[in-house]
N, C-alpha and C. Protein backbone atom coordinates (compact mmCIF):
# COMPACT_ATOMS: atom_id res chain seq x y z
N UNK A 1 0.84 -1.19 0.00
CA UNK A 1 0.00 0.00 0.00
C UNK A 1 0.88 1.24 0.00
N UNK A 2 0.56 2.18 -0.84
CA UNK A 2 1.29 3.44 -0.85
C UNK A 2 0.70 4.37 0.19
N UNK A 3 1.51 4.78 1.14
CA UNK A 3 1.02 5.64 2.22
C UNK A 3 0.58 7.01 1.70
N UNK A 4 1.18 7.48 0.60
CA UNK A 4 0.84 8.82 0.09
C UNK A 4 -0.61 8.90 -0.37
N UNK A 5 -1.21 7.75 -0.71
CA UNK A 5 -2.60 7.77 -1.19
C UNK A 5 -3.59 7.45 -0.08
N UNK A 6 -3.12 7.36 1.14
CA UNK A 6 -3.99 7.02 2.26
C UNK A 6 -4.66 8.29 2.80
N UNK A 7 -5.93 8.15 3.15
CA UNK A 7 -6.64 9.21 3.87
C UNK A 7 -7.22 8.58 5.13
N UNK A 8 -7.54 9.42 6.09
CA UNK A 8 -8.01 8.89 7.37
C UNK A 8 -9.21 9.67 7.87
N UNK A 9 -9.98 9.01 8.74
CA UNK A 9 -11.16 9.63 9.34
C UNK A 9 -11.42 9.02 10.70
N UNK A 10 -12.05 9.83 11.56
CA UNK A 10 -12.61 9.29 12.79
C UNK A 10 -14.11 9.16 12.53
N UNK A 11 -14.67 8.07 13.01
CA UNK A 11 -16.08 7.76 12.76
C UNK A 11 -16.73 7.43 14.10
N UNK A 12 -17.78 8.16 14.43
CA UNK A 12 -18.56 7.85 15.64
C UNK A 12 -19.92 7.34 15.19
N UNK A 13 -20.28 6.16 15.69
CA UNK A 13 -21.52 5.51 15.27
C UNK A 13 -22.45 5.43 16.48
N UNK A 14 -23.67 5.95 16.32
CA UNK A 14 -24.64 6.01 17.41
C UNK A 14 -25.85 5.15 17.08
N UNK A 15 -26.55 4.72 18.12
CA UNK A 15 -27.74 3.88 17.97
C UNK A 15 -27.56 2.63 18.80
N UNK A 16 -28.22 1.54 18.37
CA UNK A 16 -28.03 0.25 19.05
C UNK A 16 -26.82 -0.41 18.40
N UNK A 17 -25.63 -0.04 18.91
CA UNK A 17 -24.39 -0.48 18.27
C UNK A 17 -23.45 -1.21 19.23
N UNK A 18 -23.87 -1.39 20.47
CA UNK A 18 -23.08 -2.19 21.41
C UNK A 18 -23.87 -3.44 21.77
N UNK A 19 -23.17 -4.55 21.94
CA UNK A 19 -23.82 -5.82 22.27
C UNK A 19 -24.44 -6.50 21.06
N UNK A 20 -24.08 -6.04 19.85
CA UNK A 20 -24.65 -6.61 18.62
C UNK A 20 -23.55 -7.07 17.65
N UNK A 21 -22.31 -7.19 18.14
CA UNK A 21 -21.22 -7.64 17.29
C UNK A 21 -20.64 -6.55 16.40
N UNK A 22 -20.94 -5.29 16.71
CA UNK A 22 -20.50 -4.20 15.83
C UNK A 22 -18.99 -4.16 15.68
N UNK A 23 -18.25 -4.28 16.79
CA UNK A 23 -16.79 -4.22 16.69
C UNK A 23 -16.24 -5.41 15.90
N UNK A 24 -16.77 -6.60 16.15
CA UNK A 24 -16.31 -7.78 15.43
C UNK A 24 -16.50 -7.61 13.92
N UNK A 25 -17.70 -7.20 13.51
CA UNK A 25 -17.98 -7.07 12.08
C UNK A 25 -17.27 -5.86 11.47
N UNK A 26 -17.04 -4.82 12.26
CA UNK A 26 -16.26 -3.68 11.78
C UNK A 26 -14.84 -4.13 11.47
N UNK A 27 -14.26 -4.93 12.35
CA UNK A 27 -12.92 -5.47 12.15
C UNK A 27 -12.87 -6.31 10.87
N UNK A 28 -13.87 -7.16 10.68
CA UNK A 28 -13.94 -8.02 9.50
C UNK A 28 -14.05 -7.18 8.22
N UNK A 29 -14.92 -6.17 8.22
CA UNK A 29 -15.11 -5.32 7.05
C UNK A 29 -13.85 -4.50 6.77
N UNK A 30 -13.20 -4.01 7.81
CA UNK A 30 -11.97 -3.23 7.63
C UNK A 30 -10.91 -4.09 6.95
N UNK A 31 -10.79 -5.33 7.36
CA UNK A 31 -9.78 -6.21 6.76
C UNK A 31 -10.12 -6.51 5.30
N UNK A 32 -11.41 -6.69 4.99
CA UNK A 32 -11.83 -6.91 3.60
C UNK A 32 -11.44 -5.73 2.71
N UNK A 33 -11.53 -4.51 3.27
CA UNK A 33 -11.30 -3.29 2.49
C UNK A 33 -9.89 -2.71 2.67
N UNK A 34 -9.01 -3.46 3.32
CA UNK A 34 -7.64 -2.97 3.58
C UNK A 34 -7.63 -1.65 4.33
N UNK A 35 -8.49 -1.54 5.34
CA UNK A 35 -8.55 -0.36 6.20
C UNK A 35 -7.71 -0.65 7.45
N UNK A 36 -6.90 0.32 7.85
CA UNK A 36 -6.12 0.21 9.08
C UNK A 36 -6.73 1.13 10.13
N UNK A 37 -6.44 0.85 11.41
CA UNK A 37 -6.95 1.68 12.50
C UNK A 37 -7.47 0.80 13.62
N UNK A 38 -8.54 1.27 14.26
CA UNK A 38 -9.12 0.48 15.35
C UNK A 38 -10.57 0.88 15.60
N UNK A 39 -11.26 0.04 16.38
CA UNK A 39 -12.64 0.29 16.78
C UNK A 39 -12.74 0.03 18.28
N UNK A 40 -13.54 0.84 18.97
CA UNK A 40 -13.77 0.60 20.40
C UNK A 40 -15.15 1.10 20.81
N UNK A 41 -15.67 0.49 21.89
CA UNK A 41 -16.93 0.93 22.47
C UNK A 41 -16.66 2.12 23.38
N UNK A 42 -17.55 3.13 23.34
CA UNK A 42 -17.43 4.28 24.22
C UNK A 42 -18.45 4.15 25.36
N UNK A 43 -18.15 4.81 26.47
CA UNK A 43 -19.03 4.71 27.64
C UNK A 43 -20.42 5.30 27.38
N UNK A 44 -20.57 6.16 26.36
CA UNK A 44 -21.88 6.76 26.07
C UNK A 44 -22.75 5.86 25.18
N UNK A 45 -22.28 4.62 24.91
CA UNK A 45 -23.07 3.69 24.12
C UNK A 45 -22.76 3.71 22.63
N UNK A 46 -21.89 4.62 22.20
CA UNK A 46 -21.52 4.70 20.79
C UNK A 46 -20.31 3.81 20.51
N UNK A 47 -19.99 3.69 19.23
CA UNK A 47 -18.78 3.00 18.79
C UNK A 47 -17.90 4.04 18.10
N UNK A 48 -16.61 4.04 18.46
CA UNK A 48 -15.65 4.99 17.90
C UNK A 48 -14.65 4.23 17.03
N UNK A 49 -14.41 4.77 15.84
CA UNK A 49 -13.50 4.12 14.89
C UNK A 49 -12.50 5.14 14.37
N UNK A 50 -11.23 4.75 14.32
CA UNK A 50 -10.24 5.50 13.57
C UNK A 50 -9.88 4.62 12.40
N UNK A 51 -10.01 5.15 11.19
CA UNK A 51 -9.83 4.33 9.98
C UNK A 51 -8.98 5.07 8.96
N UNK A 52 -8.16 4.29 8.26
CA UNK A 52 -7.28 4.84 7.24
C UNK A 52 -7.20 3.88 6.06
N UNK A 53 -7.28 4.43 4.86
CA UNK A 53 -7.18 3.61 3.65
C UNK A 53 -7.25 4.50 2.43
N UNK A 54 -7.40 3.87 1.27
CA UNK A 54 -7.55 4.66 0.06
C UNK A 54 -8.91 5.34 0.11
N UNK A 55 -9.10 6.40 -0.66
CA UNK A 55 -10.37 7.13 -0.65
C UNK A 55 -11.54 6.20 -0.97
N UNK A 56 -11.39 5.40 -2.02
CA UNK A 56 -12.49 4.50 -2.43
C UNK A 56 -12.81 3.51 -1.31
N UNK A 57 -11.79 2.90 -0.71
CA UNK A 57 -12.02 1.91 0.34
C UNK A 57 -12.58 2.56 1.60
N UNK A 58 -12.07 3.74 1.95
CA UNK A 58 -12.57 4.42 3.15
C UNK A 58 -14.02 4.84 2.94
N UNK A 59 -14.36 5.32 1.75
CA UNK A 59 -15.76 5.69 1.46
C UNK A 59 -16.67 4.47 1.58
N UNK A 60 -16.23 3.32 1.07
CA UNK A 60 -17.03 2.09 1.19
C UNK A 60 -17.19 1.68 2.64
N UNK A 61 -16.11 1.81 3.41
CA UNK A 61 -16.14 1.46 4.83
C UNK A 61 -17.11 2.36 5.59
N UNK A 62 -17.05 3.66 5.33
CA UNK A 62 -17.96 4.61 6.00
C UNK A 62 -19.41 4.29 5.63
N UNK A 63 -19.66 3.97 4.36
CA UNK A 63 -21.02 3.59 3.94
C UNK A 63 -21.49 2.36 4.72
N UNK A 64 -20.60 1.36 4.89
CA UNK A 64 -20.95 0.16 5.65
C UNK A 64 -21.30 0.53 7.09
N UNK A 65 -20.54 1.46 7.69
CA UNK A 65 -20.77 1.86 9.09
C UNK A 65 -22.15 2.47 9.28
N UNK A 66 -22.74 3.01 8.24
CA UNK A 66 -24.06 3.64 8.34
C UNK A 66 -25.17 2.60 8.54
N UNK A 67 -24.86 1.33 8.28
CA UNK A 67 -25.81 0.24 8.51
C UNK A 67 -25.27 -0.71 9.57
N UNK A 68 -24.00 -1.10 9.43
CA UNK A 68 -23.39 -2.02 10.37
C UNK A 68 -23.89 -3.44 10.19
N UNK A 69 -23.63 -4.30 11.17
CA UNK A 69 -24.08 -5.69 11.07
C UNK A 69 -25.60 -5.78 11.22
N UNK A 70 -26.11 -6.94 10.89
CA UNK A 70 -27.56 -7.17 10.83
C UNK A 70 -28.32 -6.78 12.10
N UNK A 71 -27.72 -6.98 13.28
CA UNK A 71 -28.46 -6.73 14.54
C UNK A 71 -28.34 -5.29 15.01
N UNK A 72 -27.47 -4.52 14.39
CA UNK A 72 -27.29 -3.12 14.80
C UNK A 72 -28.43 -2.26 14.26
N UNK A 73 -28.67 -1.17 14.95
CA UNK A 73 -29.63 -0.17 14.49
C UNK A 73 -28.92 1.18 14.58
N UNK A 74 -28.29 1.59 13.49
CA UNK A 74 -27.52 2.83 13.47
C UNK A 74 -28.47 4.01 13.29
N UNK A 75 -28.38 4.97 14.22
CA UNK A 75 -29.23 6.15 14.12
C UNK A 75 -28.47 7.35 13.55
N UNK A 76 -27.15 7.37 13.75
CA UNK A 76 -26.36 8.53 13.30
C UNK A 76 -24.90 8.14 13.18
N UNK A 77 -24.23 8.70 12.17
CA UNK A 77 -22.79 8.50 11.99
C UNK A 77 -22.15 9.87 11.80
N UNK A 78 -21.12 10.15 12.61
CA UNK A 78 -20.38 11.40 12.48
C UNK A 78 -18.98 11.06 11.96
N UNK A 79 -18.58 11.71 10.87
CA UNK A 79 -17.29 11.45 10.25
C UNK A 79 -16.48 12.74 10.24
N UNK A 80 -15.24 12.64 10.67
CA UNK A 80 -14.32 13.77 10.61
C UNK A 80 -13.06 13.30 9.91
N UNK A 81 -12.68 14.00 8.85
CA UNK A 81 -11.43 13.63 8.17
C UNK A 81 -10.27 14.19 8.97
N UNK A 82 -9.25 13.38 9.13
CA UNK A 82 -8.07 13.73 9.94
C UNK A 82 -6.81 13.40 9.15
N UNK A 83 -5.65 13.90 9.60
CA UNK A 83 -4.40 13.53 8.92
C UNK A 83 -4.17 12.03 8.99
N UNK A 84 -3.43 11.45 8.03
CA UNK A 84 -3.17 10.01 8.05
C UNK A 84 -2.64 9.55 9.40
N UNK A 85 -3.08 8.37 9.80
CA UNK A 85 -2.75 7.83 11.12
C UNK A 85 -1.49 6.98 11.09
N UNK A 86 -1.08 6.57 9.88
CA UNK A 86 0.09 5.70 9.71
C UNK A 86 -0.05 4.38 10.47
N UNK A 87 -1.25 3.86 10.51
CA UNK A 87 -1.49 2.54 11.11
C UNK A 87 -1.12 1.47 10.10
N UNK A 88 -0.79 0.29 10.59
CA UNK A 88 -0.47 -0.80 9.66
C UNK A 88 -1.43 -1.98 9.80
N UNK A 89 -2.29 -1.96 10.83
CA UNK A 89 -3.25 -3.04 11.06
C UNK A 89 -4.58 -2.43 11.49
N UNK A 90 -5.61 -3.26 11.59
CA UNK A 90 -6.88 -2.84 12.19
C UNK A 90 -7.10 -3.72 13.40
N UNK A 91 -7.51 -3.11 14.50
CA UNK A 91 -7.70 -3.89 15.73
C UNK A 91 -8.95 -3.46 16.48
N UNK A 92 -9.37 -4.33 17.40
CA UNK A 92 -10.48 -4.06 18.31
C UNK A 92 -9.86 -3.68 19.64
N UNK A 93 -10.29 -2.57 20.20
CA UNK A 93 -9.77 -2.16 21.50
C UNK A 93 -10.85 -2.26 22.55
């Protein structure tokens, strides 16, 4: 992967997104799309993601986050573009 073509974003996902496998499936989708970064549950019930990849892959990943896995009920997604994170893997925290 060429790092110069990487873009990054922070993604906050709200709704019924904890206790439904959201982090597990986010990790799986990130690996399918060659996205690096991490996902974690926040104390306010949301899921927080830092993601980095090519524009096309990151856009696809963000689109997936708007629905999430089958049991999730996403009510809102907030995306902020940030400088590249220089991550080399995707992990669950």
